[in-house]
Amino acid sequence: MNAGSTFEDRFQRKWIYEEIVDHIPPFKWLPSTYAVVAQLLLVETVGVLAFIYFQMAAEAAIFGSLAILYTVVWSAGCLYVIPWLRRLRDPTNKLEREVLHDYKARLLLKRRYELVGGLACFGAVVAYLIYDSDYLLYFLGTGFGNPLLTILILVLAWDVSYRMGLSLVTALLTAWRSISLSSAARKRMGLAYTAYSEVRTLKYLDMINLYWGISAVLLLPLALSSSVLLLGLVIFLVGIIGLSTLSLMSMETVPWFPPDVESILHYERFAYVSACSNSQPHVTPVIFVYDGKYLYFAISVASAKYRIIKMNSKIAVLVDMRDSKNPMKNRAVLLRGKGMILGEINLLGIFKMFLYGLWLLRVRNLFGRKYPQYMKYYVEQARELPPAWRNKPFLSRLIVRLEPERITYWREARPTALRA
């Protein structure tokens, strides 16, 4: 086994939560999704039996169920986070690769990061319950002080504290990762980059952090009767949402492609779009813009290109940079993927407008800055143009957004396949 595979094998270690669940029957015999449901049913059953036996207040059953539901909702998110973390592929840029390795190591290898938040939250909760014993007395009734019930309360408090603490630590590490990755991306050279599918996965992880934070709203009824607990919960929610938002905003500044590809997509002014219908290829030149993530071009509702893309959304776009004196210096980028038509006047088109309306305004602004003479000509000479060519957004002229699935880069007649 080489050093690289040994390093990757280290990331197969599990969080404490995973290891405990994997060693407790019947959870260890069940698929992950069913194990989460089984946890909910088992813990809820124990809670109901304790409620009946100790004759606790009705609020205790409701609030306890909400706390149990929070732990299970958190566990459901965990089913996605850890596999996604382990599947992240290494960037080709050394600095970005070091950031992601450090990020994964802190989350998956260093137990102090996993435990420090949970222990801090658990210590604070226990200290408060000791200080304000009336809080528990109100809910537990005759069961207050019973050793068995005390153990159950402490176990539930640890379950909640562990998840809240780990969520906060994860959000902190995620914000650090995104800021560091954005900084490292600005130092890219040549074909060094982080594949955009990995960038998108990291953004999905940020969304799960938000999900973890917002799910803590389930604990709000438990905290309403205590100003101290309420303040702590509000600080937690604001912290998680703020850090996750900061991380998402930082990831928006990470380019999807390496510098050599970006330079062509940003500065070249013409592209060739290839679509296919009934095994017949159709290639046309277009003007286009690139916003750092997607490539956009305009089409007419009366064009063959529009009809073909409506039937088959798989398209290819070639953008090249030519040197007329030395063909060996030519460069080109071929993007293949699915084209999404935006701006149609129908039910689906209106729904897309609701989702991408602000995006379309930004794209139109990019076209205006890149092709001011075209935009001016279309406005001033509109009556002299064929109806299908007139620049009437959402009526005759639509926008196609290409999300690349395969990327090929040519330099000096040597093609290089890049990871999407």
Protein backbone atom coordinates (compact mmCIF):
# COMPACT_ATOMS: atom_id res chain seq x y z
CA MET A 1 0.00 0.00 0.00
CA ASN A 2 1.46 3.35 -0.99
CA ALA A 3 1.56 6.49 1.13
CA GLY A 4 -1.29 8.13 -0.79
CA SER A 5 -3.71 5.26 -0.22
CA THR A 6 -2.70 5.11 3.46
CA PHE A 7 -3.54 8.79 3.80
CA GLU A 8 -6.95 8.27 2.19
CA ASP A 9 -7.64 5.21 4.34
CA ARG A 10 -7.31 7.40 7.42
CA PHE A 11 -10.41 9.29 6.28
CA GLN A 12 -12.44 6.09 6.61
CA ARG A 13 -12.40 6.51 10.39
CA LYS A 14 -15.79 7.29 11.87
CA TRP A 15 -17.26 9.88 14.15
CA ILE A 16 -18.07 8.72 17.69
CA TYR A 17 -21.78 8.77 16.83
CA GLU A 18 -21.19 6.39 13.90
CA GLU A 19 -19.03 4.02 15.94
CA ILE A 20 -21.58 3.78 18.75
CA VAL A 21 -24.47 3.12 16.38
CA ASP A 22 -22.42 0.56 14.43
CA HIS A 23 -21.84 -1.49 17.60
CA ILE A 24 -25.34 -1.48 19.10
CA PRO A 25 -27.86 -4.09 17.98
CA PRO A 26 -30.23 -3.85 16.20
CA PHE A 27 -28.84 -0.64 14.64
CA LYS A 28 -25.67 -2.30 13.38
CA TRP A 29 -27.73 -4.79 11.37
CA LEU A 30 -29.82 -2.14 9.62
CA PRO A 31 -29.09 0.16 6.67
CA SER A 32 -28.26 3.70 7.78
CA THR A 33 -31.67 5.20 6.98
CA TYR A 34 -33.57 2.47 8.83
CA ALA A 35 -31.14 2.73 11.75
CA VAL A 36 -32.07 6.41 12.19
CA VAL A 37 -35.80 5.56 12.21
CA ALA A 38 -35.17 2.72 14.67
CA GLN A 39 -33.34 5.14 16.99
CA LEU A 40 -36.33 7.47 16.95
CA LEU A 41 -38.77 4.67 17.78
CA LEU A 42 -36.60 3.15 20.51
CA VAL A 43 -35.73 6.39 22.32
CA GLU A 44 -39.30 7.69 22.01
CA THR A 45 -40.63 4.42 23.48
CA VAL A 46 -38.27 4.70 26.45
CA GLY A 47 -39.36 8.32 26.94
CA VAL A 48 -43.07 7.46 26.89
CA LEU A 49 -42.58 4.63 29.40
CA ALA A 50 -40.65 6.97 31.71
CA PHE A 51 -43.40 9.59 31.35
CA ILE A 52 -46.09 7.09 32.35
CA TYR A 53 -44.14 5.45 35.17
CA PHE A 54 -43.00 8.68 36.86
CA GLN A 55 -46.25 10.57 36.19
CA MET A 56 -44.46 13.55 34.70
CA ALA A 57 -46.12 16.74 33.46
CA ALA A 58 -47.61 16.64 29.95
CA GLU A 59 -45.09 19.27 28.84
CA ALA A 60 -42.29 16.84 29.71
CA ALA A 61 -43.58 14.33 27.14
CA ILE A 62 -43.96 16.98 24.43
CA PHE A 63 -40.65 18.73 25.04
CA GLY A 64 -38.77 15.46 25.48
CA SER A 65 -40.17 14.22 22.17
CA LEU A 66 -39.00 17.42 20.48
CA ALA A 67 -35.49 16.95 21.88
CA ILE A 68 -35.47 13.34 20.63
CA LEU A 69 -36.77 14.47 17.24
CA TYR A 70 -33.95 17.02 17.02
CA THR A 71 -31.31 14.33 17.59
CA VAL A 72 -32.86 12.13 14.90
CA VAL A 73 -33.20 15.00 12.40
CA TRP A 74 -29.53 15.81 13.00
CA SER A 75 -28.60 12.15 12.51
CA ALA A 76 -30.45 12.13 9.17
CA GLY A 77 -28.22 14.99 7.96
CA CYS A 78 -25.18 13.08 9.17
CA LEU A 79 -26.03 10.31 6.67
CA TYR A 80 -25.02 12.69 3.87
CA VAL A 81 -22.22 14.75 5.42
CA ILE A 82 -19.70 12.02 6.20
CA PRO A 83 -19.95 10.08 2.89
CA TRP A 84 -19.69 13.34 0.93
CA LEU A 85 -16.65 14.38 2.93
CA ARG A 86 -14.91 11.09 2.26
CA ARG A 87 -15.69 11.16 -1.47
CA LEU A 88 -14.22 14.63 -2.07
CA ARG A 89 -11.57 14.43 -4.79
CA ASP A 90 -8.27 16.27 -4.46
CA PRO A 91 -7.86 19.60 -6.30
CA THR A 92 -5.01 19.83 -8.80
CA ASN A 93 -3.95 23.11 -7.17
CA LYS A 94 -1.51 22.36 -4.35
CA LEU A 95 -2.71 25.14 -2.03
CA GLU A 96 -6.37 24.16 -2.41
CA ARG A 97 -5.48 20.50 -1.91
CA GLU A 98 -3.73 21.33 1.37
CA VAL A 99 -6.78 23.29 2.57
CA LEU A 100 -9.17 20.40 1.85
CA HIS A 101 -6.83 17.82 3.41
CA ASP A 102 -6.57 19.92 6.56
CA TYR A 103 -10.34 20.45 6.63
CA LYS A 104 -11.09 16.72 6.29
CA ALA A 105 -8.42 15.83 8.86
CA ARG A 106 -9.84 18.23 11.44
CA LEU A 107 -13.37 16.87 10.96
CA LEU A 108 -12.65 13.16 10.58
CA LEU A 109 -9.34 12.46 12.31
CA LYS A 110 -8.96 14.81 15.25
CA ARG A 111 -11.37 13.82 18.00
CA ARG A 112 -10.74 16.97 20.01
CA TYR A 113 -12.57 18.99 17.34
CA GLU A 114 -15.48 16.57 17.42
CA LEU A 115 -15.79 16.52 21.21
CA VAL A 116 -14.83 20.01 22.34
CA GLY A 117 -18.09 21.62 21.25
CA GLY A 118 -20.27 18.86 22.67
CA LEU A 119 -18.45 18.81 26.01
CA ALA A 120 -18.71 22.60 26.30
CA CYS A 121 -22.46 22.54 25.59
CA PHE A 122 -23.03 19.58 27.91
CA GLY A 123 -21.10 21.22 30.75
CA ALA A 124 -23.09 24.43 30.35
CA VAL A 125 -26.44 22.56 30.34
CA VAL A 126 -25.59 20.45 33.41
CA ALA A 127 -24.32 23.50 35.30
CA TYR A 128 -27.56 25.33 34.55
CA LEU A 129 -29.75 22.38 35.60
CA ILE A 130 -27.86 22.16 38.91
CA TYR A 131 -28.19 25.92 39.41
CA ASP A 132 -31.90 26.05 38.52
CA SER A 133 -33.27 22.76 39.87
CA ASP A 134 -36.83 24.13 39.73
CA TYR A 135 -36.66 23.85 35.93
CA LEU A 136 -36.40 20.05 36.12
CA LEU A 137 -38.72 19.79 39.12
CA TYR A 138 -41.54 21.38 37.12
CA PHE A 139 -41.26 18.83 34.30
CA LEU A 140 -40.30 15.67 36.19
CA GLY A 141 -42.73 15.89 39.10
CA THR A 142 -42.45 12.86 41.38
CA GLY A 143 -39.60 11.49 39.30
CA PHE A 144 -37.30 14.33 40.29
CA GLY A 145 -34.17 12.94 41.94
CA ASN A 146 -34.75 9.34 40.81
CA PRO A 147 -31.33 7.92 39.77
CA LEU A 148 -32.67 6.07 36.71
CA LEU A 149 -34.57 9.10 35.42
CA THR A 150 -31.56 11.32 36.13
CA ILE A 151 -29.41 9.04 33.96
CA LEU A 152 -31.99 9.19 31.15
CA ILE A 153 -32.08 13.00 31.35
CA LEU A 154 -28.28 13.20 31.27
CA VAL A 155 -28.09 10.83 28.28
CA LEU A 156 -30.63 12.94 26.38
CA ALA A 157 -28.82 16.14 27.39
CA TRP A 158 -25.55 14.67 26.08
CA ASP A 159 -27.19 13.58 22.82
CA VAL A 160 -28.50 17.09 22.22
CA SER A 161 -25.29 18.80 23.42
CA TYR A 162 -23.04 16.59 21.28
CA ARG A 163 -25.02 17.43 18.16
CA MET A 164 -25.22 21.14 18.88
CA GLY A 165 -21.54 21.33 19.73
CA LEU A 166 -20.45 19.37 16.67
CA SER A 167 -22.72 21.51 14.47
CA LEU A 168 -21.08 24.68 15.77
CA VAL A 169 -17.55 23.29 15.36
CA THR A 170 -18.40 22.07 11.85
CA ALA A 171 -19.75 25.51 10.94
CA LEU A 172 -16.57 27.18 12.24
CA LEU A 173 -14.32 24.79 10.31
CA THR A 174 -16.48 25.19 7.20
CA ALA A 175 -16.22 28.99 7.29
CA TRP A 176 -12.43 28.71 7.73
CA ARG A 177 -12.25 26.20 4.85
CA SER A 178 -14.23 28.38 2.44
CA ILE A 179 -12.26 31.55 3.20
CA SER A 180 -8.96 29.66 2.87
CA LEU A 181 -10.09 27.95 -0.35
CA SER A 182 -11.16 31.26 -1.86
CA SER A 183 -7.77 32.75 -0.99
CA ALA A 184 -5.90 29.76 -2.44
CA ALA A 185 -7.99 29.86 -5.64
CA ARG A 186 -6.74 33.38 -6.36
CA LYS A 187 -3.21 31.95 -6.65
CA ARG A 188 -4.03 29.37 -9.31
CA MET A 189 -1.82 28.99 -12.37
CA GLY A 190 -2.28 27.11 -15.64
CA LEU A 191 -4.68 24.19 -15.26
CA ALA A 192 -4.60 24.06 -11.44
CA TYR A 193 -8.09 24.17 -9.90
CA THR A 194 -10.74 22.45 -7.79
CA ALA A 195 -13.26 20.60 -9.96
CA TYR A 196 -16.58 22.44 -9.89
CA SER A 197 -18.44 19.27 -8.87
CA GLU A 198 -16.33 19.30 -5.68
CA VAL A 199 -17.03 23.00 -5.16
CA ARG A 200 -20.73 22.22 -5.47
CA THR A 201 -20.41 19.36 -2.96
CA LEU A 202 -18.77 21.72 -0.48
CA LYS A 203 -21.69 24.11 -0.91
CA TYR A 204 -24.10 21.23 -0.25
CA LEU A 205 -22.22 20.59 3.00
CA ASP A 206 -22.74 24.25 3.91
CA MET A 207 -26.46 23.82 3.29
CA ILE A 208 -26.52 20.83 5.66
CA ASN A 209 -24.83 23.02 8.28
CA LEU A 210 -27.72 25.44 7.84
CA TYR A 211 -30.15 22.52 8.09
CA TRP A 212 -28.50 21.41 11.34
CA GLY A 213 -28.72 24.92 12.73
CA ILE A 214 -32.32 25.57 11.74
CA SER A 215 -33.42 22.14 13.04
CA ALA A 216 -32.44 23.36 16.53
CA VAL A 217 -35.64 25.45 16.41
CA LEU A 218 -37.27 22.21 17.62
CA LEU A 219 -35.64 22.93 20.99
CA LEU A 220 -37.26 26.35 21.27
CA PRO A 221 -40.25 25.20 23.42
CA LEU A 222 -37.80 23.75 25.98
CA ALA A 223 -36.05 27.10 26.28
CA LEU A 224 -39.06 29.43 26.42
CA SER A 225 -39.48 29.06 30.18
CA SER A 226 -35.83 29.95 30.86
CA SER A 227 -34.22 33.20 29.71
CA VAL A 228 -30.75 31.64 30.08
CA LEU A 229 -31.54 28.64 27.85
CA LEU A 230 -33.38 30.86 25.38
CA LEU A 231 -30.40 33.21 25.09
CA GLY A 232 -28.04 30.27 24.57
CA LEU A 233 -30.26 28.79 21.86
CA VAL A 234 -30.57 32.13 20.04
CA ILE A 235 -26.79 32.60 20.12
CA PHE A 236 -26.37 29.09 18.72
CA LEU A 237 -28.86 29.69 15.88
CA VAL A 238 -27.34 33.05 14.95
CA GLY A 239 -23.84 31.56 15.05
CA ILE A 240 -24.68 28.58 12.83
CA ILE A 241 -26.66 30.62 10.30
CA GLY A 242 -24.05 33.40 10.21
CA LEU A 243 -21.07 31.06 9.77
CA SER A 244 -22.84 28.95 7.14
CA THR A 245 -23.87 32.05 5.20
CA LEU A 246 -20.29 33.37 5.35
CA SER A 247 -19.05 30.02 4.04
CA LEU A 248 -21.56 29.98 1.17
CA MET A 249 -20.66 33.55 0.19
CA SER A 250 -16.94 32.69 0.22
CA MET A 251 -17.53 29.61 -1.96
CA GLU A 252 -19.29 31.83 -4.51
CA THR A 253 -15.92 33.51 -5.15
CA VAL A 254 -14.17 30.21 -6.02
CA PRO A 255 -13.95 29.91 -9.85
CA TRP A 256 -15.18 26.67 -11.36
CA PHE A 257 -12.42 26.36 -13.95
CA PRO A 258 -8.61 26.73 -14.05
CA PRO A 259 -7.05 30.05 -15.18
CA ASP A 260 -6.17 28.89 -18.71
CA VAL A 261 -9.80 27.94 -19.33
CA GLU A 262 -11.16 31.03 -17.57
CA SER A 263 -9.08 33.36 -19.75
CA ILE A 264 -10.62 31.92 -22.93
CA LEU A 265 -14.18 31.95 -21.62
CA HIS A 266 -13.91 35.50 -20.29
CA TYR A 267 -12.17 37.22 -23.18
CA GLU A 268 -13.08 35.39 -26.39
CA ARG A 269 -16.14 36.81 -28.12
CA PHE A 270 -17.53 33.99 -30.26
CA ALA A 271 -18.44 30.37 -29.66
CA TYR A 272 -19.85 27.48 -31.70
CA VAL A 273 -22.89 25.63 -30.39
CA SER A 274 -23.51 22.07 -31.50
CA ALA A 275 -26.89 20.42 -30.98
CA CYS A 276 -28.21 17.17 -32.38
CA SER A 277 -31.65 16.01 -33.49
CA ASN A 278 -32.44 12.65 -35.09
CA SER A 279 -28.70 11.98 -35.45
CA GLN A 280 -28.30 15.18 -37.49
CA PRO A 281 -25.75 17.65 -36.03
CA HIS A 282 -26.51 21.37 -36.09
CA VAL A 283 -23.66 23.86 -35.51
CA THR A 284 -24.03 27.65 -35.32
CA PRO A 285 -21.83 30.55 -34.15
CA VAL A 286 -23.11 32.57 -31.17
CA ILE A 287 -22.07 35.39 -28.90
CA PHE A 288 -21.86 34.33 -25.26
CA VAL A 289 -21.00 35.40 -21.72
CA TYR A 290 -19.46 33.52 -18.83
CA ASP A 291 -20.18 34.43 -15.20
CA GLY A 292 -17.52 32.30 -13.51
CA LYS A 293 -19.78 29.25 -13.32
CA TYR A 294 -22.07 28.90 -16.32
CA LEU A 295 -21.88 29.82 -20.00
CA TYR A 296 -24.86 31.66 -21.51
CA PHE A 297 -25.88 32.36 -25.10
CA ALA A 298 -29.00 33.80 -26.73
CA ILE A 299 -31.29 31.98 -29.15
CA SER A 300 -34.40 32.85 -31.13
CA VAL A 301 -37.71 31.05 -30.68
CA ALA A 302 -37.87 30.80 -34.49
CA SER A 303 -34.46 29.13 -34.84
CA ALA A 304 -33.72 25.49 -35.52
CA LYS A 305 -31.36 25.59 -32.55
CA TYR A 306 -34.26 26.36 -30.20
CA ARG A 307 -36.39 23.49 -31.53
CA ILE A 308 -33.49 21.04 -31.31
CA ILE A 309 -32.50 21.99 -27.74
CA LYS A 310 -36.16 21.69 -26.71
CA MET A 311 -36.09 18.07 -27.90
CA ASN A 312 -32.54 17.22 -26.82
CA SER A 313 -30.92 19.39 -24.15
CA LYS A 314 -27.48 17.78 -24.56
CA ILE A 315 -25.26 20.30 -26.33
CA ALA A 316 -21.60 21.14 -26.84
CA VAL A 317 -20.01 24.60 -26.99
CA LEU A 318 -16.56 25.26 -28.45
CA VAL A 319 -14.71 28.48 -27.64
CA ASP A 320 -11.32 28.95 -29.30
CA MET A 321 -8.47 31.46 -29.25
CA ARG A 322 -6.70 31.62 -32.61
CA ASP A 323 -3.26 32.81 -33.65
CA SER A 324 -3.34 33.38 -37.42
CA LYS A 325 0.46 33.49 -37.66
CA ASN A 326 1.24 30.40 -35.62
CA PRO A 327 -1.47 27.71 -35.44
CA MET A 328 0.54 25.87 -32.78
CA LYS A 329 -0.38 28.66 -30.37
CA ASN A 330 -4.10 28.12 -30.81
CA ARG A 331 -6.09 27.27 -27.70
CA ALA A 332 -9.65 26.02 -27.29
CA VAL A 333 -12.18 24.84 -24.70
CA LEU A 334 -14.94 22.34 -25.42
CA LEU A 335 -17.80 22.24 -22.90
CA ARG A 336 -20.38 19.46 -23.05
CA GLY A 337 -23.47 19.27 -20.91
CA LYS A 338 -27.15 20.14 -20.69
CA GLY A 339 -28.61 23.42 -21.88
CA MET A 340 -31.41 25.01 -19.84
CA ILE A 341 -33.67 27.41 -21.76
CA LEU A 342 -34.65 30.46 -19.69
CA GLY A 343 -37.28 33.08 -20.49
CA GLU A 344 -40.05 31.02 -22.11
CA ILE A 345 -43.63 32.18 -21.66
CA ASN A 346 -45.25 29.03 -20.30
CA LEU A 347 -45.90 27.51 -16.87
CA LEU A 348 -42.44 25.94 -16.58
CA GLY A 349 -40.80 29.07 -17.99
CA ILE A 350 -42.55 31.29 -15.43
CA PHE A 351 -41.40 28.98 -12.64
CA LYS A 352 -37.82 29.22 -13.93
CA MET A 353 -38.19 32.99 -14.08
CA PHE A 354 -39.16 32.96 -10.42
CA LEU A 355 -36.01 30.96 -9.62
CA TYR A 356 -33.57 32.64 -12.00
CA GLY A 357 -35.05 36.10 -12.60
CA LEU A 358 -32.27 38.04 -10.85
CA TRP A 359 -29.72 35.78 -12.51
CA LEU A 360 -31.14 36.64 -15.94
CA LEU A 361 -30.90 40.37 -15.22
CA ARG A 362 -27.24 39.86 -14.32
CA VAL A 363 -26.64 37.87 -17.52
CA ARG A 364 -28.27 40.62 -19.60
CA ASN A 365 -25.95 43.12 -17.93
CA LEU A 366 -22.95 40.91 -18.81
CA PHE A 367 -24.06 40.85 -22.46
CA GLY A 368 -24.40 44.65 -22.41
CA ARG A 369 -20.87 45.12 -21.06
CA LYS A 370 -19.24 42.57 -23.35
CA TYR A 371 -21.11 43.48 -26.54
CA PRO A 372 -22.19 47.14 -26.21
CA GLN A 373 -22.22 47.63 -29.99
CA TYR A 374 -24.52 44.62 -30.46
CA MET A 375 -26.96 45.79 -27.81
CA LYS A 376 -27.00 49.30 -29.29
CA TYR A 377 -27.54 47.95 -32.80
CA TYR A 378 -30.41 45.70 -31.72
CA VAL A 379 -32.13 48.64 -30.04
CA GLU A 380 -31.59 51.25 -32.76
CA GLN A 381 -32.03 49.02 -35.82
CA ALA A 382 -34.65 46.63 -34.46
CA ARG A 383 -37.20 47.36 -37.19
CA GLU A 384 -34.74 46.43 -39.93
CA LEU A 385 -34.08 42.99 -38.42
CA PRO A 386 -36.12 39.84 -39.03
CA PRO A 387 -38.73 39.38 -36.25
CA ALA A 388 -36.88 36.38 -34.82
CA TRP A 389 -33.69 38.44 -34.42
CA ARG A 390 -35.18 41.37 -32.59
CA ASN A 391 -33.92 41.73 -29.06
CA LYS A 392 -37.14 41.19 -27.11
CA PRO A 393 -36.35 39.18 -24.00
CA PHE A 394 -38.93 36.54 -23.05
CA LEU A 395 -40.75 37.02 -26.39
CA SER A 396 -38.46 36.24 -29.32
CA ARG A 397 -35.00 36.03 -27.72
CA LEU A 398 -34.28 33.50 -24.99
CA ILE A 399 -31.20 32.60 -22.95
CA VAL A 400 -29.63 29.15 -22.75
CA ARG A 401 -27.53 28.28 -19.71
CA LEU A 402 -24.96 25.50 -20.13
CA GLU A 403 -23.85 23.56 -17.08
CA PRO A 404 -20.73 21.63 -18.19
CA GLU A 405 -20.52 17.91 -17.51
CA ARG A 406 -17.35 17.28 -19.54
CA ILE A 407 -14.52 19.71 -20.29
CA THR A 408 -11.71 19.39 -22.84
CA TYR A 409 -8.91 21.93 -23.18
CA TRP A 410 -6.57 22.18 -26.19
CA ARG A 411 -3.20 23.86 -26.28
CA GLU A 412 -0.74 23.37 -29.15
CA ALA A 413 -2.94 20.61 -30.61
CA ARG A 414 -2.74 18.60 -27.38
CA PRO A 415 -6.15 17.90 -25.79
CA THR A 416 -6.46 17.64 -22.00
CA ALA A 417 -9.59 16.23 -20.35
CA LEU A 418 -10.49 18.15 -17.19
CA ARG A 419 -12.66 16.95 -14.32
CA ALA A 420 -16.08 18.55 -14.17
